[in-house]
Amino acid sequence: RASAEFESTCSRQISEFLHTQAGVKLSQENLECIRQGMLTTCAATCNLSLGILKKVKDEVKHTVQIDWENVWKDMVGLIKPKFHYAIIQKAFMLNKSSFTTMQR
């Protein structure tokens, strides 16, 4: 089972982010669902190749038809697949017990 400290830290950080950015306060149950979804997404991303992530980025570039002041283009441009992939891989390795628990 994942450490209580890790779970608590994740929930607190998610809660603070949502409160600061969206003015939303969620219950512990909802925060846990979000945390589990994030862990599941990271675990699934670890099973993809870097090439696939680069391809997805290239495809996403063209999904918006009207880009107000190039917001979409600029944000997609900030995505660095190699860097993000390395971070997700590192997070997975450091918290492997949490990911393993999620898959059961």
C-alpha atoms as a PDB file:
ATOM      1  CA  ARG A   1       0.000   0.000   0.000  1.00  0.00           C
ATOM      2  CA  ALA A   2       1.228   3.488  -0.803  1.00  0.00           C
ATOM      3  CA  SER A   3       2.511   5.464   2.115  1.00  0.00           C
ATOM      4  CA  ALA A   4      -0.044   7.592   3.931  1.00  0.00           C
ATOM      5  CA  GLU A   5       2.369  10.529   3.716  1.00  0.00           C
ATOM      6  CA  PHE A   6       2.565  10.261  -0.094  1.00  0.00           C
ATOM      7  CA  GLU A   7      -1.215  10.030  -0.411  1.00  0.00           C
ATOM      8  CA  SER A   8      -1.732  12.947   1.952  1.00  0.00           C
ATOM      9  CA  THR A   9       0.814  15.124   0.137  1.00  0.00           C
ATOM     10  CA  CYS A  10      -0.746  14.389  -3.259  1.00  0.00           C
ATOM     11  CA  SER A  11      -4.261  15.099  -2.031  1.00  0.00           C
ATOM     12  CA  ARG A  12      -3.163  18.344  -0.365  1.00  0.00           C
ATOM     13  CA  GLN A  13      -1.344  19.537  -3.493  1.00  0.00           C
ATOM     14  CA  ILE A  14      -4.289  18.685  -5.747  1.00  0.00           C
ATOM     15  CA  SER A  15      -6.671  20.404  -3.326  1.00  0.00           C
ATOM     16  CA  GLU A  16      -4.523  23.551  -3.150  1.00  0.00           C
ATOM     17  CA  PHE A  17      -4.155  23.686  -6.927  1.00  0.00           C
ATOM     18  CA  LEU A  18      -7.898  23.328  -7.577  1.00  0.00           C
ATOM     19  CA  HIS A  19      -8.759  25.864  -4.895  1.00  0.00           C
ATOM     20  CA  THR A  20      -6.202  28.416  -6.145  1.00  0.00           C
ATOM     21  CA  GLN A  21      -6.801  27.973  -9.882  1.00  0.00           C
ATOM     22  CA  ALA A  22     -10.536  27.233 -10.021  1.00  0.00           C
ATOM     23  CA  GLY A  23     -11.909  28.262  -6.629  1.00  0.00           C
ATOM     24  CA  VAL A  24     -13.140  24.703  -6.101  1.00  0.00           C
ATOM     25  CA  LYS A  25     -13.050  22.729  -2.862  1.00  0.00           C
ATOM     26  CA  LEU A  26     -13.534  18.979  -3.218  1.00  0.00           C
ATOM     27  CA  SER A  27     -14.196  16.256  -0.692  1.00  0.00           C
ATOM     28  CA  GLN A  28     -11.426  13.839   0.279  1.00  0.00           C
ATOM     29  CA  GLU A  29     -13.236  11.143  -1.710  1.00  0.00           C
ATOM     30  CA  ASN A  30     -13.197  13.291  -4.855  1.00  0.00           C
ATOM     31  CA  LEU A  31      -9.559  14.239  -4.324  1.00  0.00           C
ATOM     32  CA  GLU A  32      -8.679  10.550  -4.000  1.00  0.00           C
ATOM     33  CA  CYS A  33     -10.439   9.814  -7.309  1.00  0.00           C
ATOM     34  CA  ILE A  34      -8.408  12.551  -9.007  1.00  0.00           C
ATOM     35  CA  ARG A  35      -5.158  11.284  -7.450  1.00  0.00           C
ATOM     36  CA  GLN A  36      -5.882   7.740  -8.579  1.00  0.00           C
ATOM     37  CA  GLY A  37      -6.701   8.971 -12.073  1.00  0.00           C
ATOM     38  CA  MET A  38      -3.403  10.837 -12.241  1.00  0.00           C
ATOM     39  CA  LEU A  39      -1.473   7.779 -11.057  1.00  0.00           C
ATOM     40  CA  THR A  40      -3.272   5.566 -13.567  1.00  0.00           C
ATOM     41  CA  THR A  41      -2.506   8.026 -16.370  1.00  0.00           C
ATOM     42  CA  CYS A  42       1.177   8.136 -15.410  1.00  0.00           C
ATOM     43  CA  ALA A  43       1.359   4.338 -15.285  1.00  0.00           C
ATOM     44  CA  ALA A  44      -0.310   4.057 -18.700  1.00  0.00           C
ATOM     45  CA  THR A  45       2.037   6.704 -20.139  1.00  0.00           C
ATOM     46  CA  CYS A  46       5.017   4.654 -18.980  1.00  0.00           C
ATOM     47  CA  ASN A  47       3.807   1.885 -21.306  1.00  0.00           C
ATOM     48  CA  LEU A  48       3.970   4.167 -24.350  1.00  0.00           C
ATOM     49  CA  SER A  49       7.047   4.930 -26.382  1.00  0.00           C
ATOM     50  CA  LEU A  50       8.521   8.391 -26.694  1.00  0.00           C
ATOM     51  CA  GLY A  51       7.759   8.212 -30.415  1.00  0.00           C
ATOM     52  CA  ILE A  52       4.051   7.787 -29.736  1.00  0.00           C
ATOM     53  CA  LEU A  53       4.050  10.767 -27.364  1.00  0.00           C
ATOM     54  CA  LYS A  54       5.731  12.911 -30.030  1.00  0.00           C
ATOM     55  CA  LYS A  55       3.152  11.783 -32.588  1.00  0.00           C
ATOM     56  CA  VAL A  56       0.282  12.641 -30.228  1.00  0.00           C
ATOM     57  CA  LYS A  57       1.743  16.117 -29.700  1.00  0.00           C
ATOM     58  CA  ASP A  58       1.956  16.640 -33.466  1.00  0.00           C
ATOM     59  CA  GLU A  59      -1.669  15.515 -33.897  1.00  0.00           C
ATOM     60  CA  VAL A  60      -2.905  17.714 -31.035  1.00  0.00           C
ATOM     61  CA  LYS A  61      -1.334  20.790 -32.652  1.00  0.00           C
ATOM     62  CA  HIS A  62      -3.998  20.737 -35.341  1.00  0.00           C
ATOM     63  CA  THR A  63      -7.136  20.000 -33.300  1.00  0.00           C
ATOM     64  CA  VAL A  64      -8.154  23.612 -32.657  1.00  0.00           C
ATOM     65  CA  GLN A  65      -9.668  25.473 -35.599  1.00  0.00           C
ATOM     66  CA  ILE A  66      -9.824  28.958 -34.065  1.00  0.00           C
ATOM     67  CA  ASP A  67      -6.803  29.802 -31.927  1.00  0.00           C
ATOM     68  CA  TRP A  68      -7.405  33.066 -30.096  1.00  0.00           C
ATOM     69  CA  GLU A  69      -4.102  34.968 -30.006  1.00  0.00           C
ATOM     70  CA  ASN A  70      -2.176  31.703 -30.625  1.00  0.00           C
ATOM     71  CA  VAL A  71      -2.939  30.457 -27.102  1.00  0.00           C
ATOM     72  CA  TRP A  72      -3.293  26.831 -28.246  1.00  0.00           C
ATOM     73  CA  LYS A  73      -0.208  26.931 -30.466  1.00  0.00           C
ATOM     74  CA  ASP A  74       1.862  28.501 -27.691  1.00  0.00           C
ATOM     75  CA  MET A  75       0.709  26.004 -25.055  1.00  0.00           C
ATOM     76  CA  VAL A  76       1.306  22.981 -27.297  1.00  0.00           C
ATOM     77  CA  GLY A  77       4.731  24.447 -28.064  1.00  0.00           C
ATOM     78  CA  LEU A  78       5.573  24.271 -24.363  1.00  0.00           C
ATOM     79  CA  ILE A  79       5.075  20.496 -24.322  1.00  0.00           C
ATOM     80  CA  LYS A  80       8.469  18.816 -24.459  1.00  0.00           C
ATOM     81  CA  PRO A  81       7.766  15.072 -24.919  1.00  0.00           C
ATOM     82  CA  LYS A  82      11.285  13.895 -24.040  1.00  0.00           C
ATOM     83  CA  PHE A  83      11.384  15.973 -20.830  1.00  0.00           C
ATOM     84  CA  HIS A  84       7.818  15.111 -19.751  1.00  0.00           C
ATOM     85  CA  TYR A  85       8.342  11.430 -20.529  1.00  0.00           C
ATOM     86  CA  ALA A  86      11.504  11.371 -18.397  1.00  0.00           C
ATOM     87  CA  ILE A  87       9.680  13.042 -15.491  1.00  0.00           C
ATOM     88  CA  ILE A  88       6.764  10.594 -15.671  1.00  0.00           C
ATOM     89  CA  GLN A  89       9.182   7.640 -15.833  1.00  0.00           C
ATOM     90  CA  LYS A  90      11.041   8.982 -12.778  1.00  0.00           C
ATOM     91  CA  ALA A  91       7.794   9.537 -10.858  1.00  0.00           C
ATOM     92  CA  PHE A  92       6.721   6.016 -11.733  1.00  0.00           C
ATOM     93  CA  MET A  93       9.976   4.502 -10.462  1.00  0.00           C
ATOM     94  CA  LEU A  94       9.945   6.554  -7.243  1.00  0.00           C
ATOM     95  CA  ASN A  95       6.333   5.665  -6.467  1.00  0.00           C
ATOM     96  CA  LYS A  96       6.106   2.223  -8.044  1.00  0.00           C
ATOM     97  CA  SER A  97       4.268   0.767  -5.034  1.00  0.00           C
ATOM     98  CA  SER A  98       1.484   3.322  -5.507  1.00  0.00           C
ATOM     99  CA  PHE A  99       1.143   2.441  -9.178  1.00  0.00           C
ATOM    100  CA  THR A 100       1.229  -1.291  -8.474  1.00  0.00           C
ATOM    101  CA  THR A 101      -1.484  -0.880  -5.848  1.00  0.00           C
ATOM    102  CA  MET A 102      -3.625   1.039  -8.354  1.00  0.00           C
ATOM    103  CA  GLN A 103      -3.500  -1.774 -10.913  1.00  0.00           C
ATOM    104  CA  ARG A 104      -4.864  -4.439  -8.555  1.00  0.00           C
END
